[in-house]
Amino acid sequence: MRYIIIDADGLIINAIEWDGVTEWAPPEGCTAVELESGSSGDSYIDGVVVPAPVPEPVPVAPTFEELVAQASTFAELKALVASNLA
């Protein structure tokens, strides 16, 4: 059986397989709940798993070669490089 381990703040910190019979106890301050859903980082609030927020993707800065290809003058290249350092 699958159990989620929930800390005192309602954060799911782990998911384990446990037969529910073998002697075992969750870490101090945590609770084990038999549940098929939920992953580390999710929350468990009032019996409902709330998925962790999905982080916004981090934009990838263009390579120097890409900036060189975009620029038609050295001054333009300097401006492009400066704007990508901010």
PDB file of N, CA and C in Angstrom:
ATOM      1  N   MET A   1       0.842  -1.171   0.000  1.00  0.00           N
ATOM      2  CA  MET A   1       0.000   0.000   0.000  1.00  0.00           C
ATOM      3  C   MET A   1       0.890   1.237   0.000  1.00  0.00           C
ATOM      4  N   ARG A   2       0.422   2.269  -0.628  1.00  0.00           N
ATOM      5  CA  ARG A   2       1.197   3.502  -0.750  1.00  0.00           C
ATOM      6  C   ARG A   2       0.727   4.497   0.302  1.00  0.00           C
ATOM      7  N   TYR A   3       1.692   5.080   0.981  1.00  0.00           N
ATOM      8  CA  TYR A   3       1.408   6.087   1.993  1.00  0.00           C
ATOM      9  C   TYR A   3       2.185   7.351   1.656  1.00  0.00           C
ATOM     10  N   ILE A   4       1.568   8.487   1.930  1.00  0.00           N
ATOM     11  CA  ILE A   4       2.297   9.749   1.818  1.00  0.00           C
ATOM     12  C   ILE A   4       2.648  10.185   3.230  1.00  0.00           C
ATOM     13  N   ILE A   5       3.819  10.795   3.364  1.00  0.00           N
ATOM     14  CA  ILE A   5       4.281  11.291   4.659  1.00  0.00           C
ATOM     15  C   ILE A   5       4.116  12.807   4.634  1.00  0.00           C
ATOM     16  N   ILE A   6       3.367  13.313   5.602  1.00  0.00           N
ATOM     17  CA  ILE A   6       3.014  14.730   5.648  1.00  0.00           C
ATOM     18  C   ILE A   6       3.631  15.356   6.889  1.00  0.00           C
ATOM     19  N   ASP A   7       4.296  16.500   6.710  1.00  0.00           N
ATOM     20  CA  ASP A   7       4.873  17.180   7.874  1.00  0.00           C
ATOM     21  C   ASP A   7       3.801  18.007   8.586  1.00  0.00           C
ATOM     22  N   ALA A   8       4.182  18.660   9.660  1.00  0.00           N
ATOM     23  CA  ALA A   8       3.230  19.411  10.492  1.00  0.00           C
ATOM     24  C   ALA A   8       2.587  20.576   9.749  1.00  0.00           C
ATOM     25  N   ASP A   9       3.222  21.047   8.658  1.00  0.00           N
ATOM     26  CA  ASP A   9       2.666  22.160   7.884  1.00  0.00           C
ATOM     27  C   ASP A   9       1.772  21.694   6.733  1.00  0.00           C
ATOM     28  N   GLY A  10       1.594  20.373   6.591  1.00  0.00           N
ATOM     29  CA  GLY A  10       0.766  19.846   5.514  1.00  0.00           C
ATOM     30  C   GLY A  10       1.521  19.611   4.227  1.00  0.00           C
ATOM     31  N   LEU A  11       2.835  19.694   4.267  1.00  0.00           N
ATOM     32  CA  LEU A  11       3.655  19.471   3.072  1.00  0.00           C
ATOM     33  C   LEU A  11       3.973  17.987   2.956  1.00  0.00           C
ATOM     34  N   ILE A  12       3.746  17.427   1.772  1.00  0.00           N
ATOM     35  CA  ILE A  12       4.097  16.025   1.534  1.00  0.00           C
ATOM     36  C   ILE A  12       5.610  15.968   1.347  1.00  0.00           C
ATOM     37  N   ILE A  13       6.256  15.213   2.227  1.00  0.00           N
ATOM     38  CA  ILE A  13       7.718  15.148   2.182  1.00  0.00           C
ATOM     39  C   ILE A  13       8.228  13.832   1.603  1.00  0.00           C
ATOM     40  N   ASN A  14       7.322  12.842   1.460  1.00  0.00           N
ATOM     41  CA  ASN A  14       7.757  11.557   0.905  1.00  0.00           C
ATOM     42  C   ASN A  14       6.536  10.712   0.597  1.00  0.00           C
ATOM     43  N   ALA A  15       6.733   9.696  -0.237  1.00  0.00           N
ATOM     44  CA  ALA A  15       5.714   8.684  -0.504  1.00  0.00           C
ATOM     45  C   ALA A  15       6.418   7.338  -0.360  1.00  0.00           C
ATOM     46  N   ILE A  16       5.789   6.406   0.346  1.00  0.00           N
ATOM     47  CA  ILE A  16       6.429   5.124   0.626  1.00  0.00           C
ATOM     48  C   ILE A  16       5.467   3.977   0.349  1.00  0.00           C
ATOM     49  N   GLU A  17       6.024   2.793   0.234  1.00  0.00           N
ATOM     50  CA  GLU A  17       5.237   1.560   0.202  1.00  0.00           C
ATOM     51  C   GLU A  17       5.352   0.937   1.584  1.00  0.00           C
ATOM     52  N   TRP A  18       4.209   0.640   2.203  1.00  0.00           N
ATOM     53  CA  TRP A  18       4.195   0.046   3.531  1.00  0.00           C
ATOM     54  C   TRP A  18       2.988  -0.875   3.611  1.00  0.00           C
ATOM     55  N   ASP A  19       3.175  -2.030   4.202  1.00  0.00           N
ATOM     56  CA  ASP A  19       2.061  -2.976   4.292  1.00  0.00           C
ATOM     57  C   ASP A  19       1.028  -2.582   5.332  1.00  0.00           C
ATOM     58  N   GLY A  20       1.318  -1.572   6.144  1.00  0.00           N
ATOM     59  CA  GLY A  20       0.373  -1.118   7.155  1.00  0.00           C
ATOM     60  C   GLY A  20       0.353  -1.998   8.385  1.00  0.00           C
ATOM     61  N   VAL A  21       1.131  -3.070   8.359  1.00  0.00           N
ATOM     62  CA  VAL A  21       1.143  -4.014   9.473  1.00  0.00           C
ATOM     63  C   VAL A  21       2.511  -4.034  10.155  1.00  0.00           C
ATOM     64  N   THR A  22       3.557  -4.115   9.354  1.00  0.00           N
ATOM     65  CA  THR A  22       4.908  -4.139   9.893  1.00  0.00           C
ATOM     66  C   THR A  22       5.122  -2.925  10.790  1.00  0.00           C
ATOM     67  N   GLU A  23       5.796  -3.145  11.919  1.00  0.00           N
ATOM     68  CA  GLU A  23       6.006  -2.041  12.858  1.00  0.00           C
ATOM     69  C   GLU A  23       6.851  -0.948  12.195  1.00  0.00           C
ATOM     70  N   TRP A  24       6.304   0.222  12.158  1.00  0.00           N
ATOM     71  CA  TRP A  24       6.960   1.388  11.564  1.00  0.00           C
ATOM     72  C   TRP A  24       6.206   2.622  12.034  1.00  0.00           C
ATOM     73  N   ALA A  25       6.885   3.717  12.140  1.00  0.00           N
ATOM     74  CA  ALA A  25       6.231   4.982  12.498  1.00  0.00           C
ATOM     75  C   ALA A  25       6.846   6.091  11.654  1.00  0.00           C
ATOM     76  N   PRO A  26       6.037   7.058  11.238  1.00  0.00           N
ATOM     77  CA  PRO A  26       6.597   8.187  10.479  1.00  0.00           C
ATOM     78  C   PRO A  26       7.527   9.009  11.362  1.00  0.00           C
ATOM     79  N   PRO A  27       8.369   9.834  10.759  1.00  0.00           N
ATOM     80  CA  PRO A  27       9.257  10.676  11.554  1.00  0.00           C
ATOM     81  C   PRO A  27       8.459  11.551  12.526  1.00  0.00           C
ATOM     82  N   GLU A  28       9.112  11.958  13.583  1.00  0.00           N
ATOM     83  CA  GLU A  28       8.460  12.786  14.600  1.00  0.00           C
ATOM     84  C   GLU A  28       7.874  14.049  13.968  1.00  0.00           C
ATOM     85  N   GLY A  29       6.641  14.351  14.313  1.00  0.00           N
ATOM     86  CA  GLY A  29       5.959  15.533  13.790  1.00  0.00           C
ATOM     87  C   GLY A  29       5.295  15.302  12.446  1.00  0.00           C
ATOM     88  N   CYS A  30       5.394  14.088  11.918  1.00  0.00           N
ATOM     89  CA  CYS A  30       4.804  13.774  10.609  1.00  0.00           C
ATOM     90  C   CYS A  30       3.675  12.774  10.763  1.00  0.00           C
ATOM     91  N   THR A  31       2.871  12.673   9.716  1.00  0.00           N
ATOM     92  CA  THR A  31       1.745  11.757   9.674  1.00  0.00           C
ATOM     93  C   THR A  31       1.830  10.944   8.395  1.00  0.00           C
ATOM     94  N   ALA A  32       1.423   9.680   8.452  1.00  0.00           N
ATOM     95  CA  ALA A  32       1.343   8.824   7.265  1.00  0.00           C
ATOM     96  C   ALA A  32      -0.126   8.627   6.912  1.00  0.00           C
ATOM     97  N   VAL A  33      -0.451   8.850   5.642  1.00  0.00           N
ATOM     98  CA  VAL A  33      -1.829   8.687   5.170  1.00  0.00           C
ATOM     99  C   VAL A  33      -1.794   7.770   3.954  1.00  0.00           C
ATOM    100  N   GLU A  34      -2.633   6.721   3.980  1.00  0.00           N
ATOM    101  CA  GLU A  34      -2.705   5.819   2.823  1.00  0.00           C
ATOM    102  C   GLU A  34      -3.389   6.555   1.683  1.00  0.00           C
ATOM    103  N   LEU A  35      -2.657   6.716   0.580  1.00  0.00           N
ATOM    104  CA  LEU A  35      -3.178   7.496  -0.540  1.00  0.00           C
ATOM    105  C   LEU A  35      -2.394   7.165  -1.803  1.00  0.00           C
ATOM    106  N   GLU A  36      -3.076   7.012  -2.911  1.00  0.00           N
ATOM    107  CA  GLU A  36      -2.427   6.679  -4.186  1.00  0.00           C
ATOM    108  C   GLU A  36      -1.876   7.906  -4.905  1.00  0.00           C
ATOM    109  N   SER A  37      -2.323   9.088  -4.537  1.00  0.00           N
ATOM    110  CA  SER A  37      -1.838  10.293  -5.223  1.00  0.00           C
ATOM    111  C   SER A  37      -0.987  11.108  -4.263  1.00  0.00           C
ATOM    112  N   GLY A  38      -0.329  12.104  -4.797  1.00  0.00           N
ATOM    113  CA  GLY A  38       0.501  12.989  -3.996  1.00  0.00           C
ATOM    114  C   GLY A  38       1.970  12.680  -4.160  1.00  0.00           C
ATOM    115  N   SER A  39       2.745  13.730  -4.279  1.00  0.00           N
ATOM    116  CA  SER A  39       4.189  13.610  -4.458  1.00  0.00           C
ATOM    117  C   SER A  39       4.891  14.603  -3.546  1.00  0.00           C
ATOM    118  N   SER A  40       6.171  14.364  -3.337  1.00  0.00           N
ATOM    119  CA  SER A  40       6.964  15.296  -2.534  1.00  0.00           C
ATOM    120  C   SER A  40       6.809  16.703  -3.101  1.00  0.00           C
ATOM    121  N   GLY A  41       6.570  17.648  -2.211  1.00  0.00           N
ATOM    122  CA  GLY A  41       6.391  19.039  -2.625  1.00  0.00           C
ATOM    123  C   GLY A  41       4.934  19.451  -2.718  1.00  0.00           C
ATOM    124  N   ASP A  42       4.031  18.485  -2.898  1.00  0.00           N
ATOM    125  CA  ASP A  42       2.600  18.794  -2.890  1.00  0.00           C
ATOM    126  C   ASP A  42       2.175  19.077  -1.451  1.00  0.00           C
ATOM    127  N   SER A  43       0.965  19.583  -1.278  1.00  0.00           N
ATOM    128  CA  SER A  43       0.406  19.810   0.056  1.00  0.00           C
ATOM    129  C   SER A  43      -0.791  18.905   0.253  1.00  0.00           C
ATOM    130  N   TYR A  44      -1.102  18.618   1.491  1.00  0.00           N
ATOM    131  CA  TYR A  44      -2.267  17.813   1.850  1.00  0.00           C
ATOM    132  C   TYR A  44      -3.089  18.662   2.802  1.00  0.00           C
ATOM    133  N   ILE A  45      -4.205  19.185   2.276  1.00  0.00           N
ATOM    134  CA  ILE A  45      -5.021  20.130   3.035  1.00  0.00           C
ATOM    135  C   ILE A  45      -6.447  19.612   3.122  1.00  0.00           C
ATOM    136  N   ASP A  46      -6.920  19.410   4.341  1.00  0.00           N
ATOM    137  CA  ASP A  46      -8.295  18.940   4.587  1.00  0.00           C
ATOM    138  C   ASP A  46      -8.626  17.699   3.764  1.00  0.00           C
ATOM    139  N   GLY A  47      -7.681  16.761   3.696  1.00  0.00           N
ATOM    140  CA  GLY A  47      -7.921  15.500   3.001  1.00  0.00           C
ATOM    141  C   GLY A  47      -7.767  15.567   1.495  1.00  0.00           C
ATOM    142  N   VAL A  48      -7.268  16.678   0.983  1.00  0.00           N
ATOM    143  CA  VAL A  48      -7.117  16.862  -0.468  1.00  0.00           C
ATOM    144  C   VAL A  48      -5.661  17.155  -0.795  1.00  0.00           C
ATOM    145  N   VAL A  49      -5.147  16.474  -1.825  1.00  0.00           N
ATOM    146  CA  VAL A  49      -3.797  16.749  -2.297  1.00  0.00           C
ATOM    147  C   VAL A  49      -3.843  17.975  -3.196  1.00  0.00           C
ATOM    148  N   VAL A  50      -3.021  18.966  -2.874  1.00  0.00           N
ATOM    149  CA  VAL A  50      -2.921  20.187  -3.665  1.00  0.00           C
ATOM    150  C   VAL A  50      -1.543  20.167  -4.333  1.00  0.00           C
ATOM    151  N   PRO A  51      -1.527  20.069  -5.671  1.00  0.00           N
ATOM    152  CA  PRO A  51      -0.234  19.988  -6.358  1.00  0.00           C
ATOM    153  C   PRO A  51       0.640  21.206  -6.089  1.00  0.00           C
ATOM    154  N   ALA A  52       1.939  20.958  -6.033  1.00  0.00           N
ATOM    155  CA  ALA A  52       2.899  22.048  -5.873  1.00  0.00           C
ATOM    156  C   ALA A  52       2.811  22.952  -7.094  1.00  0.00           C
ATOM    157  N   PRO A  53       3.013  24.245  -6.922  1.00  0.00           N
ATOM    158  CA  PRO A  53       2.981  25.139  -8.076  1.00  0.00           C
ATOM    159  C   PRO A  53       4.108  24.793  -9.049  1.00  0.00           C
ATOM    160  N   VAL A  54       3.812  24.903 -10.319  1.00  0.00           N
ATOM    161  CA  VAL A  54       4.811  24.647 -11.349  1.00  0.00           C
ATOM    162  C   VAL A  54       5.615  25.930 -11.539  1.00  0.00           C
ATOM    163  N   PRO A  55       6.928  25.847 -11.376  1.00  0.00           N
ATOM    164  CA  PRO A  55       7.724  27.069 -11.523  1.00  0.00           C
ATOM    165  C   PRO A  55       7.711  27.575 -12.956  1.00  0.00           C
ATOM    166  N   GLU A  56       7.793  28.883 -13.066  1.00  0.00           N
ATOM    167  CA  GLU A  56       7.871  29.498 -14.394  1.00  0.00           C
ATOM    168  C   GLU A  56       9.192  29.081 -15.046  1.00  0.00           C
ATOM    169  N   PRO A  57       9.155  28.778 -16.341  1.00  0.00           N
ATOM    170  CA  PRO A  57      10.417  28.424 -17.000  1.00  0.00           C
ATOM    171  C   PRO A  57      11.375  29.614 -17.014  1.00  0.00           C
ATOM    172  N   VAL A  58      12.638  29.315 -16.844  1.00  0.00           N
ATOM    173  CA  VAL A  58      13.660  30.356 -16.859  1.00  0.00           C
ATOM    174  C   VAL A  58      14.102  30.552 -18.303  1.00  0.00           C
ATOM    175  N   PRO A  59      13.985  31.778 -18.814  1.00  0.00           N
ATOM    176  CA  PRO A  59      14.393  31.985 -20.198  1.00  0.00           C
ATOM    177  C   PRO A  59      15.893  31.748 -20.359  1.00  0.00           C
ATOM    178  N   VAL A  60      16.247  31.157 -21.476  1.00  0.00           N
ATOM    179  CA  VAL A  60      17.650  30.876 -21.763  1.00  0.00           C
ATOM    180  C   VAL A  60      18.221  32.066 -22.520  1.00  0.00           C
ATOM    181  N   ALA A  61      19.303  32.594 -22.000  1.00  0.00           N
ATOM    182  CA  ALA A  61      19.945  33.738 -22.649  1.00  0.00           C
ATOM    183  C   ALA A  61      20.584  33.291 -23.958  1.00  0.00           C
ATOM    184  N   PRO A  62      20.549  34.160 -24.968  1.00  0.00           N
ATOM    185  CA  PRO A  62      21.179  33.792 -26.232  1.00  0.00           C
ATOM    186  C   PRO A  62      22.690  33.655 -26.062  1.00  0.00           C
ATOM    187  N   THR A  63      23.290  32.808 -26.867  1.00  0.00           N
ATOM    188  CA  THR A  63      24.746  32.662 -26.830  1.00  0.00           C
ATOM    189  C   THR A  63      25.386  33.874 -27.501  1.00  0.00           C
ATOM    190  N   PHE A  64      26.674  34.034 -27.250  1.00  0.00           N
ATOM    191  CA  PHE A  64      27.395  35.142 -27.879  1.00  0.00           C
ATOM    192  C   PHE A  64      27.320  35.019 -29.397  1.00  0.00           C
ATOM    193  N   GLU A  65      27.424  33.804 -29.896  1.00  0.00           N
ATOM    194  CA  GLU A  65      27.352  33.588 -31.348  1.00  0.00           C
ATOM    195  C   GLU A  65      26.000  34.038 -31.911  1.00  0.00           C
ATOM    196  N   GLU A  66      24.930  33.782 -31.158  1.00  0.00           N
ATOM    197  CA  GLU A  66      23.602  34.221 -31.596  1.00  0.00           C
ATOM    198  C   GLU A  66      23.508  35.742 -31.598  1.00  0.00           C
ATOM    199  N   LEU A  67      24.100  36.386 -30.596  1.00  0.00           N
ATOM    200  CA  LEU A  67      24.098  37.846 -30.557  1.00  0.00           C
ATOM    201  C   LEU A  67      24.902  38.422 -31.721  1.00  0.00           C
ATOM    202  N   VAL A  68      26.038  37.807 -32.037  1.00  0.00           N
ATOM    203  CA  VAL A  68      26.846  38.263 -33.174  1.00  0.00           C
ATOM    204  C   VAL A  68      26.037  38.162 -34.462  1.00  0.00           C
ATOM    205  N   ALA A  69      25.283  37.089 -34.607  1.00  0.00           N
ATOM    206  CA  ALA A  69      24.481  36.907 -35.815  1.00  0.00           C
ATOM    207  C   ALA A  69      23.369  37.959 -35.918  1.00  0.00           C
ATOM    208  N   GLN A  70      22.873  38.434 -34.769  1.00  0.00           N
ATOM    209  CA  GLN A  70      21.804  39.434 -34.777  1.00  0.00           C
ATOM    210  C   GLN A  70      22.321  40.847 -35.070  1.00  0.00           C
ATOM    211  N   ALA A  71      23.556  41.113 -34.680  1.00  0.00           N
ATOM    212  CA  ALA A  71      24.091  42.475 -34.771  1.00  0.00           C
ATOM    213  C   ALA A  71      24.672  42.740 -36.160  1.00  0.00           C
ATOM    214  N   SER A  72      24.468  43.962 -36.611  1.00  0.00           N
ATOM    215  CA  SER A  72      25.058  44.341 -37.898  1.00  0.00           C
ATOM    216  C   SER A  72      26.258  45.271 -37.716  1.00  0.00           C
ATOM    217  N   THR A  73      26.412  45.798 -36.490  1.00  0.00           N
ATOM    218  CA  THR A  73      27.567  46.648 -36.202  1.00  0.00           C
ATOM    219  C   THR A  73      28.108  46.283 -34.825  1.00  0.00           C
ATOM    220  N   PHE A  74      29.355  46.730 -34.562  1.00  0.00           N
ATOM    221  CA  PHE A  74      29.941  46.470 -33.258  1.00  0.00           C
ATOM    222  C   PHE A  74      29.146  47.165 -32.153  1.00  0.00           C
ATOM    223  N   ALA A  75      28.701  48.367 -32.415  1.00  0.00           N
ATOM    224  CA  ALA A  75      27.914  49.106 -31.424  1.00  0.00           C
ATOM    225  C   ALA A  75      26.613  48.364 -31.104  1.00  0.00           C
ATOM    226  N   GLU A  76      26.008  47.812 -32.123  1.00  0.00           N
ATOM    227  CA  GLU A  76      24.771  47.047 -31.920  1.00  0.00           C
ATOM    228  C   GLU A  76      25.067  45.789 -31.102  1.00  0.00           C
ATOM    229  N   LEU A  77      26.206  45.140 -31.369  1.00  0.00           N
ATOM    230  CA  LEU A  77      26.593  43.955 -30.611  1.00  0.00           C
ATOM    231  C   LEU A  77      26.811  44.310 -29.145  1.00  0.00           C
ATOM    232  N   LYS A  78      27.500  45.428 -28.881  1.00  0.00           N
ATOM    233  CA  LYS A  78      27.720  45.860 -27.499  1.00  0.00           C
ATOM    234  C   LYS A  78      26.386  46.089 -26.782  1.00  0.00           C
ATOM    235  N   ALA A  79      25.447  46.693 -27.469  1.00  0.00           N
ATOM    236  CA  ALA A  79      24.130  46.968 -26.878  1.00  0.00           C
ATOM    237  C   ALA A  79      23.394  45.660 -26.593  1.00  0.00           C
ATOM    238  N   LEU A  80      23.480  44.706 -27.513  1.00  0.00           N
ATOM    239  CA  LEU A  80      22.826  43.409 -27.312  1.00  0.00           C
ATOM    240  C   LEU A  80      23.438  42.673 -26.130  1.00  0.00           C
ATOM    241  N   VAL A  81      24.762  42.688 -26.061  1.00  0.00           N
ATOM    242  CA  VAL A  81      25.435  42.012 -24.945  1.00  0.00           C
ATOM    243  C   VAL A  81      25.033  42.681 -23.631  1.00  0.00           C
ATOM    244  N   ALA A  82      25.055  43.986 -23.572  1.00  0.00           N
ATOM    245  CA  ALA A  82      24.705  44.722 -22.357  1.00  0.00           C
ATOM    246  C   ALA A  82      23.265  44.424 -21.938  1.00  0.00           C
ATOM    247  N   SER A  83      22.363  44.376 -22.893  1.00  0.00           N
ATOM    248  CA  SER A  83      20.953  44.139 -22.551  1.00  0.00           C
ATOM    249  C   SER A  83      20.715  42.713 -22.059  1.00  0.00           C
ATOM    250  N   ASN A  84      21.587  41.776 -22.427  1.00  0.00           N
ATOM    251  CA  ASN A  84      21.434  40.394 -21.973  1.00  0.00           C
ATOM    252  C   ASN A  84      22.160  40.108 -20.672  1.00  0.00           C
ATOM    253  N   LEU A  85      22.918  41.079 -20.168  1.00  0.00           N
ATOM    254  CA  LEU A  85      23.585  40.925 -18.881  1.00  0.00           C
ATOM    255  C   LEU A  85      22.687  41.393 -17.751  1.00  0.00           C
ATOM    256  N   ALA A  86      21.666  42.163 -18.073  1.00  0.00           N
ATOM    257  CA  ALA A  86      20.787  42.716 -17.026  1.00  0.00           C
ATOM    258  C   ALA A  86      19.879  41.667 -16.449  1.00  0.00           C
TER     259      ALA A  86
END
